[in-house]
Amino acid sequence: MRIYAFSGRLLGAAWLAALLLTACTPASGGTDHTGGATKLPAGPSRTTDDGVFLAKGECATADPVGAYRETGCSDPAATARVVSRLYGLLPASPTPSAPTAVARAGDRGPPNTDFVLTVSAGSPQGYACMRNLGPLHPGDPGAGGGPRTVTGDCVYTSREGEVRETSCDGSHKHKPQYGIVAVTGNRSGCPPGTALYVGLGPAGVGCARRL
């Protein structure tokens, strides 16, 4: 889940593009609001023939504490597949696996990414954008999770000037108040009827209508 800054419930109000806080994975030891395991940094157990740990198309499995290791996709224990591999760790405080860095990596991944793993112990270092093999996909539009907010997602006001993503079907604790109907480069690209502008970092602006 991510927390976004916004400004202006009506057209013509100033838009605040700053992203106040991003969190594509929950804090260590917790669970996310979709019920999935905490996404801890991945550690190597095997690599592909080319020596890349968690290469695109490879699969991973989680241990009981939520740490991930690579395994064959035919392994019954496999839980997620790598849909994109980003090489190089992004600078962030205090570590490249901090939520801000992981969220920035998620912004660079495919829209169908369910979660992002930090590869700090394997080779090469970087980030693995993961897609669950099972039926639960928090990164899908409207599901209320994943590292990105896309068209079809829903948000609610968490406090003055901030919104958070939630499920559009109302199955999460917080009911949806706005639906993202478009993502554009700037506010002027939003369609008529937009009631809320959501800053989505490098993705641009989320144009939201009241539900």
C-alpha atoms as a PDB file:
ATOM      1  CA  MET A   1       0.000   0.000   0.000  1.00  0.00           C
ATOM      2  CA  ARG A   2       1.187   3.476  -0.784  1.00  0.00           C
ATOM      3  CA  ILE A   3       0.346   6.844   0.689  1.00  0.00           C
ATOM      4  CA  TYR A   4      -0.035   9.678  -1.802  1.00  0.00           C
ATOM      5  CA  ALA A   5      -0.189  13.431  -1.497  1.00  0.00           C
ATOM      6  CA  PHE A   6      -2.973  15.294  -3.202  1.00  0.00           C
ATOM      7  CA  SER A   7      -4.247  18.819  -3.478  1.00  0.00           C
ATOM      8  CA  GLY A   8      -7.567  20.017  -4.797  1.00  0.00           C
ATOM      9  CA  ARG A   9     -10.872  18.199  -4.725  1.00  0.00           C
ATOM     10  CA  LEU A  10     -12.187  20.466  -7.484  1.00  0.00           C
ATOM     11  CA  LEU A  11     -10.822  21.370 -10.892  1.00  0.00           C
ATOM     12  CA  GLY A  12      -8.726  24.508 -10.802  1.00  0.00           C
ATOM     13  CA  ALA A  13      -7.195  23.904  -7.368  1.00  0.00           C
ATOM     14  CA  ALA A  14      -3.415  23.735  -7.141  1.00  0.00           C
ATOM     15  CA  TRP A  15      -1.940  20.249  -7.439  1.00  0.00           C
ATOM     16  CA  LEU A  16       0.799  19.093  -5.113  1.00  0.00           C
ATOM     17  CA  ALA A  17       3.021  16.699  -7.008  1.00  0.00           C
ATOM     18  CA  ALA A  18       5.133  15.677  -4.041  1.00  0.00           C
ATOM     19  CA  LEU A  19       4.915  12.078  -2.974  1.00  0.00           C
ATOM     20  CA  LEU A  20       4.900  12.299   0.816  1.00  0.00           C
ATOM     21  CA  LEU A  21       5.481   8.698   1.661  1.00  0.00           C
ATOM     22  CA  THR A  22       5.736   5.486  -0.276  1.00  0.00           C
ATOM     23  CA  ALA A  23       5.663   1.948   1.013  1.00  0.00           C
ATOM     24  CA  CYS A  24       5.514  -0.871  -1.468  1.00  0.00           C
ATOM     25  CA  THR A  25       6.221  -3.467   1.203  1.00  0.00           C
ATOM     26  CA  PRO A  26       5.189  -3.556   4.841  1.00  0.00           C
ATOM     27  CA  ALA A  27       7.687  -3.216   7.672  1.00  0.00           C
ATOM     28  CA  SER A  28       9.731  -6.260   8.607  1.00  0.00           C
ATOM     29  CA  GLY A  29       7.780  -8.739  10.696  1.00  0.00           C
ATOM     30  CA  GLY A  30       4.315  -7.593   9.575  1.00  0.00           C
ATOM     31  CA  THR A  31       1.801  -8.484   6.921  1.00  0.00           C
ATOM     32  CA  ASP A  32       0.255  -6.334   4.265  1.00  0.00           C
ATOM     33  CA  HIS A  33      -3.435  -5.518   4.035  1.00  0.00           C
ATOM     34  CA  THR A  34      -3.993  -8.135   1.358  1.00  0.00           C
ATOM     35  CA  GLY A  35      -2.967 -10.897   3.726  1.00  0.00           C
ATOM     36  CA  GLY A  36       0.285 -11.672   1.924  1.00  0.00           C
ATOM     37  CA  ALA A  37       3.591 -12.428   3.601  1.00  0.00           C
ATOM     38  CA  THR A  38       6.049  -9.679   4.396  1.00  0.00           C
ATOM     39  CA  LYS A  39       8.458  -9.206   1.522  1.00  0.00           C
ATOM     40  CA  LEU A  40      11.930  -9.400   3.042  1.00  0.00           C
ATOM     41  CA  PRO A  41      15.171  -9.056   1.029  1.00  0.00           C
ATOM     42  CA  ALA A  42      15.856 -12.115  -1.073  1.00  0.00           C
ATOM     43  CA  GLY A  43      18.885 -14.267  -0.440  1.00  0.00           C
ATOM     44  CA  PRO A  44      20.547 -16.653  -2.916  1.00  0.00           C
ATOM     45  CA  SER A  45      20.051 -20.403  -2.812  1.00  0.00           C
ATOM     46  CA  ARG A  46      20.428 -21.168  -6.518  1.00  0.00           C
ATOM     47  CA  THR A  47      20.906 -19.182  -9.702  1.00  0.00           C
ATOM     48  CA  THR A  48      20.059 -19.643 -13.347  1.00  0.00           C
ATOM     49  CA  ASP A  49      22.609 -20.999 -15.814  1.00  0.00           C
ATOM     50  CA  ASP A  50      23.717 -17.462 -16.664  1.00  0.00           C
ATOM     51  CA  GLY A  51      24.555 -16.803 -13.015  1.00  0.00           C
ATOM     52  CA  VAL A  52      21.766 -14.282 -12.429  1.00  0.00           C
ATOM     53  CA  PHE A  53      19.892 -14.727  -9.159  1.00  0.00           C
ATOM     54  CA  LEU A  54      16.134 -14.260  -9.629  1.00  0.00           C
ATOM     55  CA  ALA A  55      16.398 -13.584 -13.359  1.00  0.00           C
ATOM     56  CA  LYS A  56      13.284 -12.651 -15.338  1.00  0.00           C
ATOM     57  CA  GLY A  57      11.046 -15.709 -15.725  1.00  0.00           C
ATOM     58  CA  GLU A  58      12.458 -17.500 -12.680  1.00  0.00           C
ATOM     59  CA  CYS A  59      10.365 -18.350  -9.632  1.00  0.00           C
ATOM     60  CA  ALA A  60      10.771 -17.980  -5.895  1.00  0.00           C
ATOM     61  CA  THR A  61       9.374 -19.379  -2.677  1.00  0.00           C
ATOM     62  CA  ALA A  62       9.041 -17.809   0.746  1.00  0.00           C
ATOM     63  CA  ASP A  63      10.275 -19.341   4.004  1.00  0.00           C
ATOM     64  CA  PRO A  64       8.175 -19.164   7.199  1.00  0.00           C
ATOM     65  CA  VAL A  65       9.477 -15.681   8.093  1.00  0.00           C
ATOM     66  CA  GLY A  66       8.823 -14.245   4.633  1.00  0.00           C
ATOM     67  CA  ALA A  67      12.334 -14.283   3.146  1.00  0.00           C
ATOM     68  CA  TYR A  68      12.503 -15.472  -0.459  1.00  0.00           C
ATOM     69  CA  ARG A  69      14.786 -17.904  -2.279  1.00  0.00           C
ATOM     70  CA  GLU A  70      14.904 -18.931  -5.926  1.00  0.00           C
ATOM     71  CA  THR A  71      13.379 -22.236  -6.934  1.00  0.00           C
ATOM     72  CA  GLY A  72      12.188 -23.934 -10.097  1.00  0.00           C
ATOM     73  CA  CYS A  73       8.796 -22.846 -11.375  1.00  0.00           C
ATOM     74  CA  SER A  74       7.724 -26.502 -11.404  1.00  0.00           C
ATOM     75  CA  ASP A  75       8.433 -26.725  -7.675  1.00  0.00           C
ATOM     76  CA  PRO A  76       5.101 -27.042  -5.809  1.00  0.00           C
ATOM     77  CA  ALA A  77       6.523 -24.637  -3.229  1.00  0.00           C
ATOM     78  CA  ALA A  78       7.028 -21.862  -5.807  1.00  0.00           C
ATOM     79  CA  THR A  79       4.781 -18.889  -5.013  1.00  0.00           C
ATOM     80  CA  ALA A  80       5.795 -16.078  -7.381  1.00  0.00           C
ATOM     81  CA  ARG A  81       7.497 -15.452 -10.731  1.00  0.00           C
ATOM     82  CA  VAL A  82       9.934 -12.672 -11.677  1.00  0.00           C
ATOM     83  CA  VAL A  83       8.231 -10.466 -14.283  1.00  0.00           C
ATOM     84  CA  SER A  84      11.034  -7.900 -14.433  1.00  0.00           C
ATOM     85  CA  ARG A  85      14.560  -7.571 -13.040  1.00  0.00           C
ATOM     86  CA  LEU A  86      16.044  -4.157 -12.230  1.00  0.00           C
ATOM     87  CA  TYR A  87      19.821  -4.082 -11.863  1.00  0.00           C
ATOM     88  CA  GLY A  88      21.562  -1.820  -9.390  1.00  0.00           C
ATOM     89  CA  LEU A  89      20.404  -0.678  -5.945  1.00  0.00           C
ATOM     90  CA  LEU A  90      18.772   2.724  -5.623  1.00  0.00           C
ATOM     91  CA  PRO A  91      20.286   5.022  -2.995  1.00  0.00           C
ATOM     92  CA  ALA A  92      17.999   5.547  -0.022  1.00  0.00           C
ATOM     93  CA  SER A  93      18.188   6.131   3.685  1.00  0.00           C
ATOM     94  CA  PRO A  94      18.897   4.045   5.620  1.00  0.00           C
ATOM     95  CA  THR A  95      19.318   1.175   3.122  1.00  0.00           C
ATOM     96  CA  PRO A  96      18.475   0.296  -0.497  1.00  0.00           C
ATOM     97  CA  SER A  97      15.794  -2.054   0.893  1.00  0.00           C
ATOM     98  CA  ALA A  98      14.024   0.778   2.735  1.00  0.00           C
ATOM     99  CA  PRO A  99      10.395   1.351   1.644  1.00  0.00           C
ATOM    100  CA  THR A 100      11.246   4.517  -0.285  1.00  0.00           C
ATOM    101  CA  ALA A 101      13.853   2.776  -2.435  1.00  0.00           C
ATOM    102  CA  VAL A 102      11.693  -0.301  -3.018  1.00  0.00           C
ATOM    103  CA  ALA A 103       8.721   1.878  -3.981  1.00  0.00           C
ATOM    104  CA  ARG A 104      10.879   3.767  -6.475  1.00  0.00           C
ATOM    105  CA  ALA A 105      11.930   0.424  -7.944  1.00  0.00           C
ATOM    106  CA  GLY A 106       8.277  -0.605  -8.139  1.00  0.00           C
ATOM    107  CA  ASP A 107       7.527   2.538 -10.152  1.00  0.00           C
ATOM    108  CA  ARG A 108       9.918   1.194 -12.795  1.00  0.00           C
ATOM    109  CA  GLY A 109       8.337  -2.269 -12.925  1.00  0.00           C
ATOM    110  CA  PRO A 110       5.441  -3.646 -14.998  1.00  0.00           C
ATOM    111  CA  PRO A 111       1.908  -2.574 -14.015  1.00  0.00           C
ATOM    112  CA  ASN A 112       1.002  -6.166 -13.049  1.00  0.00           C
ATOM    113  CA  THR A 113       3.700  -6.363 -10.348  1.00  0.00           C
ATOM    114  CA  ASP A 114       2.325  -7.723  -7.056  1.00  0.00           C
ATOM    115  CA  PHE A 115       5.393  -6.961  -4.944  1.00  0.00           C
ATOM    116  CA  VAL A 116       9.091  -6.123  -5.199  1.00  0.00           C
ATOM    117  CA  LEU A 117      12.024  -7.998  -3.675  1.00  0.00           C
ATOM    118  CA  THR A 118      15.342  -6.348  -2.859  1.00  0.00           C
ATOM    119  CA  VAL A 119      18.225  -8.525  -4.088  1.00  0.00           C
ATOM    120  CA  SER A 120      21.112  -7.414  -1.899  1.00  0.00           C
ATOM    121  CA  ALA A 121      22.804 -10.749  -1.208  1.00  0.00           C
ATOM    122  CA  GLY A 122      22.538 -12.276  -4.675  1.00  0.00           C
ATOM    123  CA  SER A 123      24.258 -11.359  -7.917  1.00  0.00           C
ATOM    124  CA  PRO A 124      23.718  -8.980  -9.527  1.00  0.00           C
ATOM    125  CA  GLN A 125      22.173  -6.757  -6.884  1.00  0.00           C
ATOM    126  CA  GLY A 126      18.972  -4.888  -7.626  1.00  0.00           C
ATOM    127  CA  TYR A 127      15.249  -5.518  -7.450  1.00  0.00           C
ATOM    128  CA  ALA A 128      12.950  -8.295  -8.646  1.00  0.00           C
ATOM    129  CA  CYS A 129       9.390  -7.380  -9.595  1.00  0.00           C
ATOM    130  CA  MET A 130       7.232 -10.363  -8.680  1.00  0.00           C
ATOM    131  CA  ARG A 131       3.858 -11.719  -9.771  1.00  0.00           C
ATOM    132  CA  ASN A 132       2.093 -14.269  -7.563  1.00  0.00           C
ATOM    133  CA  LEU A 133       1.510 -17.685  -9.109  1.00  0.00           C
ATOM    134  CA  GLY A 134      -1.707 -18.108  -7.129  1.00  0.00           C
ATOM    135  CA  PRO A 135      -5.046 -16.368  -7.667  1.00  0.00           C
ATOM    136  CA  LEU A 136      -4.401 -13.427  -5.317  1.00  0.00           C
ATOM    137  CA  HIS A 137      -2.942 -10.446  -7.190  1.00  0.00           C
ATOM    138  CA  PRO A 138      -2.801  -7.251  -5.095  1.00  0.00           C
ATOM    139  CA  GLY A 139      -1.178  -5.467  -8.046  1.00  0.00           C
ATOM    140  CA  ASP A 140      -4.229  -5.884 -10.286  1.00  0.00           C
ATOM    141  CA  PRO A 141      -6.385  -2.776 -10.873  1.00  0.00           C
ATOM    142  CA  GLY A 142      -8.837  -2.336  -8.022  1.00  0.00           C
ATOM    143  CA  ALA A 143      -7.254  -4.966  -5.778  1.00  0.00           C
ATOM    144  CA  GLY A 144      -5.895  -2.404  -3.332  1.00  0.00           C
ATOM    145  CA  GLY A 145      -2.207  -3.302  -3.253  1.00  0.00           C
ATOM    146  CA  GLY A 146       0.956  -3.695  -5.269  1.00  0.00           C
ATOM    147  CA  PRO A 147       3.777  -1.166  -5.702  1.00  0.00           C
ATOM    148  CA  ARG A 148       1.941   0.990  -8.251  1.00  0.00           C
ATOM    149  CA  THR A 149      -1.376   2.810  -8.445  1.00  0.00           C
ATOM    150  CA  VAL A 150      -2.922   2.459 -11.902  1.00  0.00           C
ATOM    151  CA  THR A 151      -6.152   3.208 -13.727  1.00  0.00           C
ATOM    152  CA  GLY A 152      -8.923   1.211 -12.104  1.00  0.00           C
ATOM    153  CA  ASP A 153      -7.525   1.483  -8.559  1.00  0.00           C
ATOM    154  CA  CYS A 154      -9.360   3.113  -5.656  1.00  0.00           C
ATOM    155  CA  VAL A 155      -8.211   5.356  -2.818  1.00  0.00           C
ATOM    156  CA  TYR A 156      -9.564   6.819   0.412  1.00  0.00           C
ATOM    157  CA  THR A 157      -8.598   9.911   2.397  1.00  0.00           C
ATOM    158  CA  SER A 158      -6.307   8.834   5.230  1.00  0.00           C
ATOM    159  CA  ARG A 159      -5.793  12.365   6.566  1.00  0.00           C
ATOM    160  CA  GLU A 160      -5.738  15.938   5.303  1.00  0.00           C
ATOM    161  CA  GLY A 161      -3.691  16.060   2.089  1.00  0.00           C
ATOM    162  CA  GLU A 162      -3.112  12.291   1.838  1.00  0.00           C
ATOM    163  CA  VAL A 163      -4.859   9.331   0.260  1.00  0.00           C
ATOM    164  CA  ARG A 164      -4.152   5.612   0.434  1.00  0.00           C
ATOM    165  CA  GLU A 165      -4.984   2.816  -1.930  1.00  0.00           C
ATOM    166  CA  THR A 166      -7.713   0.369  -0.936  1.00  0.00           C
ATOM    167  CA  SER A 167      -9.738  -2.315  -2.654  1.00  0.00           C
ATOM    168  CA  CYS A 168     -12.521  -1.124  -4.933  1.00  0.00           C
ATOM    169  CA  ASP A 169     -14.874  -3.925  -3.840  1.00  0.00           C
ATOM    170  CA  GLY A 170     -14.907  -2.712  -0.229  1.00  0.00           C
ATOM    171  CA  SER A 171     -13.298  -5.878   1.147  1.00  0.00           C
ATOM    172  CA  HIS A 172     -10.524  -3.965   2.932  1.00  0.00           C
ATOM    173  CA  LYS A 173     -10.914  -2.125   6.222  1.00  0.00           C
ATOM    174  CA  HIS A 174     -11.237   1.276   4.551  1.00  0.00           C
ATOM    175  CA  LYS A 175     -13.981   1.755   1.994  1.00  0.00           C
ATOM    176  CA  PRO A 176     -13.076   3.372  -1.349  1.00  0.00           C
ATOM    177  CA  GLN A 177     -13.981   7.030  -1.786  1.00  0.00           C
ATOM    178  CA  TYR A 178     -12.417   7.791  -5.174  1.00  0.00           C
ATOM    179  CA  GLY A 179     -11.657   5.771  -8.279  1.00  0.00           C
ATOM    180  CA  ILE A 180      -8.635   6.419 -10.521  1.00  0.00           C
ATOM    181  CA  VAL A 181     -10.092   6.861 -13.999  1.00  0.00           C
ATOM    182  CA  ALA A 182      -6.884   7.915 -15.773  1.00  0.00           C
ATOM    183  CA  VAL A 183      -3.159   8.461 -15.226  1.00  0.00           C
ATOM    184  CA  THR A 184      -1.692  11.399 -17.138  1.00  0.00           C
ATOM    185  CA  GLY A 185       1.506  13.404 -17.272  1.00  0.00           C
ATOM    186  CA  ASN A 186      -0.064  16.447 -15.635  1.00  0.00           C
ATOM    187  CA  ARG A 187      -3.340  17.736 -14.199  1.00  0.00           C
ATOM    188  CA  SER A 188      -4.463  19.333 -17.451  1.00  0.00           C
ATOM    189  CA  GLY A 189      -4.677  15.886 -19.017  1.00  0.00           C
ATOM    190  CA  CYS A 190      -7.354  14.688 -16.589  1.00  0.00           C
ATOM    191  CA  PRO A 191     -10.848  14.162 -18.027  1.00  0.00           C
ATOM    192  CA  PRO A 192     -13.892  16.276 -17.103  1.00  0.00           C
ATOM    193  CA  GLY A 193     -15.447  15.251 -13.808  1.00  0.00           C
ATOM    194  CA  THR A 194     -12.119  14.730 -12.049  1.00  0.00           C
ATOM    195  CA  ALA A 195     -12.590  15.549  -8.367  1.00  0.00           C
ATOM    196  CA  LEU A 196      -9.164  14.653  -7.006  1.00  0.00           C
ATOM    197  CA  TYR A 197      -5.598  14.776  -8.335  1.00  0.00           C
ATOM    198  CA  VAL A 198      -3.202  12.200  -6.902  1.00  0.00           C
ATOM    199  CA  GLY A 199       0.572  12.578  -7.256  1.00  0.00           C
ATOM    200  CA  LEU A 200       2.011   9.256  -8.469  1.00  0.00           C
ATOM    201  CA  GLY A 201       5.693  10.141  -8.615  1.00  0.00           C
ATOM    202  CA  PRO A 202       7.296   9.469 -12.016  1.00  0.00           C
ATOM    203  CA  ALA A 203       4.025   7.958 -13.310  1.00  0.00           C
ATOM    204  CA  GLY A 204       2.422  11.409 -13.281  1.00  0.00           C
ATOM    205  CA  VAL A 205      -1.020  12.298 -11.948  1.00  0.00           C
ATOM    206  CA  GLY A 206      -3.881  10.018 -11.009  1.00  0.00           C
ATOM    207  CA  CYS A 207      -7.241  11.514 -12.049  1.00  0.00           C
ATOM    208  CA  ALA A 208      -9.853  10.395  -9.532  1.00  0.00           C
ATOM    209  CA  ARG A 209     -13.620  10.671  -9.435  1.00  0.00           C
ATOM    210  CA  ARG A 210     -15.742  10.404  -6.307  1.00  0.00           C
ATOM    211  CA  LEU A 211     -17.484   7.044  -5.988  1.00  0.00           C
END
